[in-house]
N, C-alpha and C. Protein backbone atom coordinates (compact mmCIF):
# COMPACT_ATOMS: atom_id res chain seq x y z
N UNK A 1 82.62 142.35 -110.64
CA UNK A 1 81.98 143.75 -111.13
C UNK A 1 83.25 144.65 -111.27
N UNK A 2 83.04 145.47 -112.03
CA UNK A 2 84.10 146.54 -112.37
C UNK A 2 84.19 147.48 -111.09
N UNK A 3 85.33 148.03 -110.77
CA UNK A 3 85.14 149.49 -109.91
C UNK A 3 84.96 150.42 -110.63
N UNK A 4 83.76 151.19 -110.13
CA UNK A 4 83.64 152.70 -110.96
C UNK A 4 84.79 153.45 -110.66
N UNK A 5 85.15 154.49 -111.36
CA UNK A 5 86.00 155.61 -111.25
C UNK A 5 85.16 156.84 -111.37
N UNK A 6 85.87 158.03 -110.84
CA UNK A 6 85.23 159.36 -110.71
C UNK A 6 86.48 159.97 -110.93
N UNK A 7 86.31 161.00 -111.91
CA UNK A 7 87.32 161.87 -112.28
C UNK A 7 86.90 163.48 -111.94
N UNK A 8 87.84 164.20 -111.17
CA UNK A 8 87.46 165.24 -110.82
C UNK A 8 88.66 166.23 -111.58
N UNK A 9 87.92 167.66 -111.99
CA UNK A 9 89.16 168.50 -112.56
C UNK A 9 88.95 169.83 -111.63
N UNK A 10 90.03 170.49 -111.29
CA UNK A 10 90.04 171.48 -110.43
C UNK A 10 91.07 172.34 -111.09
N UNK A 11 90.98 173.82 -111.00
CA UNK A 11 91.92 174.86 -111.59
C UNK A 11 92.83 175.02 -110.41
N UNK A 12 93.99 175.56 -110.79
CA UNK A 12 95.21 175.69 -109.84
C UNK A 12 94.63 176.44 -108.56
N UNK A 13 93.74 177.37 -108.51
CA UNK A 13 92.94 177.99 -107.51
C UNK A 13 92.28 177.35 -106.69
N UNK A 14 91.49 176.46 -107.20
CA UNK A 14 90.90 175.43 -106.55
C UNK A 14 91.61 174.46 -105.62
N UNK A 15 92.61 174.11 -106.45
CA UNK A 15 93.71 172.99 -106.01
C UNK A 15 94.32 173.77 -104.50
N UNK A 16 94.81 174.93 -104.48
CA UNK A 16 95.48 175.66 -103.43
C UNK A 16 94.26 176.09 -102.54
N UNK A 17 93.11 176.13 -102.79
CA UNK A 17 92.06 176.55 -101.55
C UNK A 17 91.92 174.90 -100.98
N UNK A 18 91.80 173.93 -101.55
CA UNK A 18 91.47 172.44 -100.95
C UNK A 18 92.96 172.18 -100.12
N UNK A 19 94.15 172.57 -100.61
CA UNK A 19 95.11 172.27 -99.87
C UNK A 19 95.21 173.06 -98.50
N UNK A 20 95.04 174.23 -98.47
CA UNK A 20 94.97 175.11 -97.65
C UNK A 20 93.88 174.87 -96.56
N UNK A 21 92.48 174.28 -97.00
CA UNK A 21 91.77 174.12 -95.98
C UNK A 21 91.95 172.85 -95.44
N UNK A 22 92.78 172.00 -96.12
CA UNK A 22 93.19 170.74 -95.40
C UNK A 22 93.93 170.74 -94.46
N UNK A 23 95.10 171.68 -94.79
CA UNK A 23 96.03 171.99 -93.77
C UNK A 23 95.48 172.61 -92.57
N UNK A 24 94.74 173.62 -92.73
CA UNK A 24 94.15 174.09 -91.54
C UNK A 24 93.17 173.16 -90.74
N UNK A 25 92.52 172.27 -91.32
CA UNK A 25 91.99 171.20 -90.53
C UNK A 25 93.06 170.38 -89.58
N UNK A 26 94.07 170.26 -90.54
CA UNK A 26 95.25 169.25 -89.91
C UNK A 26 95.83 170.17 -88.77
N UNK A 27 96.23 171.51 -88.69
CA UNK A 27 96.83 172.03 -87.68
C UNK A 27 95.65 172.09 -86.53
N UNK A 28 94.39 172.26 -86.64
CA UNK A 28 93.48 172.64 -85.75
C UNK A 28 93.45 171.05 -84.74
N UNK A 29 93.48 170.07 -85.67
CA UNK A 29 93.50 168.68 -85.22
C UNK A 29 94.75 168.26 -84.19
N UNK A 30 95.95 169.02 -84.68
CA UNK A 30 97.16 169.13 -83.95
C UNK A 30 97.06 169.67 -82.72
N UNK A 31 96.26 170.74 -82.83
CA UNK A 31 96.23 171.96 -81.63
C UNK A 31 95.47 171.01 -80.56
N UNK A 32 94.75 170.23 -81.01
CA UNK A 32 93.51 169.70 -80.08
C UNK A 32 94.15 168.38 -79.50
N UNK A 33 95.16 167.90 -79.84
CA UNK A 33 95.95 166.79 -79.88
C UNK A 33 95.18 165.44 -80.35
N UNK A 34 94.54 165.74 -81.35
CA UNK A 34 93.80 164.44 -81.89
C UNK A 34 94.69 164.00 -83.15
N UNK A 35 94.53 162.79 -83.54
CA UNK A 35 95.01 161.82 -84.68
C UNK A 35 94.85 162.80 -85.84
N UNK A 36 95.89 162.74 -87.05
CA UNK A 36 95.98 163.40 -88.06
C UNK A 36 96.13 162.43 -89.40
N UNK A 37 95.85 161.19 -89.09
CA UNK A 37 96.32 160.24 -90.01
C UNK A 37 95.48 160.27 -91.36
N UNK A 38 94.16 160.37 -91.04
CA UNK A 38 93.24 159.98 -92.09
C UNK A 38 93.49 161.48 -92.99
N UNK A 39 93.56 162.54 -92.44
CA UNK A 39 93.79 164.08 -93.14
C UNK A 39 95.17 163.97 -93.97
N UNK A 40 96.29 163.55 -93.33
CA UNK A 40 97.82 163.14 -93.78
C UNK A 40 97.54 162.33 -95.04
N UNK A 41 97.02 161.50 -94.88
CA UNK A 41 96.80 160.36 -96.23
C UNK A 41 96.11 161.11 -97.32
N UNK A 42 94.84 161.60 -97.21
CA UNK A 42 94.00 162.46 -98.14
C UNK A 42 94.85 163.42 -98.79
N UNK A 43 95.60 164.35 -97.82
CA UNK A 43 96.08 165.41 -98.35
C UNK A 43 97.46 164.90 -99.20
N UNK A 44 98.18 163.86 -98.88
CA UNK A 44 99.20 163.20 -99.67
C UNK A 44 98.46 162.84 -100.98
N UNK A 45 97.37 162.08 -101.02
CA UNK A 45 96.85 161.45 -102.28
C UNK A 45 96.41 162.70 -102.93
N UNK A 46 95.80 163.94 -102.76
CA UNK A 46 95.54 164.97 -103.62
C UNK A 46 96.95 165.88 -103.88
N UNK A 47 97.89 165.97 -103.21
CA UNK A 47 99.03 166.68 -103.65
C UNK A 47 99.85 165.78 -104.82
N UNK A 48 99.84 164.19 -104.79
CA UNK A 48 100.61 163.59 -105.47
C UNK A 48 99.61 162.85 -106.93
N UNK A 49 98.89 163.43 -106.89
CA UNK A 49 97.75 162.83 -107.89
C UNK A 49 98.27 163.39 -109.30
N UNK A 50 97.88 162.70 -110.31
CA UNK A 50 98.34 162.97 -111.72
C UNK A 50 97.65 164.20 -111.88
N UNK A 51 98.17 165.00 -112.82
CA UNK A 51 97.83 166.15 -113.22
C UNK A 51 97.39 165.94 -114.86
N UNK A 52 96.65 166.84 -115.26
CA UNK A 52 96.36 166.50 -117.19
C UNK A 52 95.58 167.83 -117.32
N UNK A 53 96.10 168.51 -118.52
CA UNK A 53 95.91 169.70 -119.05
C UNK A 53 94.58 169.62 -119.63
N UNK A 54 93.44 170.41 -119.23
CA UNK A 54 92.31 170.18 -120.58
C UNK A 54 91.80 171.50 -120.76
N UNK A 55 91.00 171.39 -122.10
CA UNK A 55 90.71 172.78 -122.70
C UNK A 55 89.62 173.32 -121.71
N UNK A 56 89.51 174.50 -121.61
CA UNK A 56 88.57 175.25 -120.82
C UNK A 56 87.20 175.61 -121.65
């Protein structure tokens, strides 16, 4: 069975908002002394994802 893929297209402003929100969550977890492994991995995947220019 073939794995289904999903594609999401975000504007520059949406990307910055997502990154800022994830970083705020990461900072709050650090302040509470909790692990941030999953947030770190997700943030890294989002920041290193391929980009593509699309017509709006």
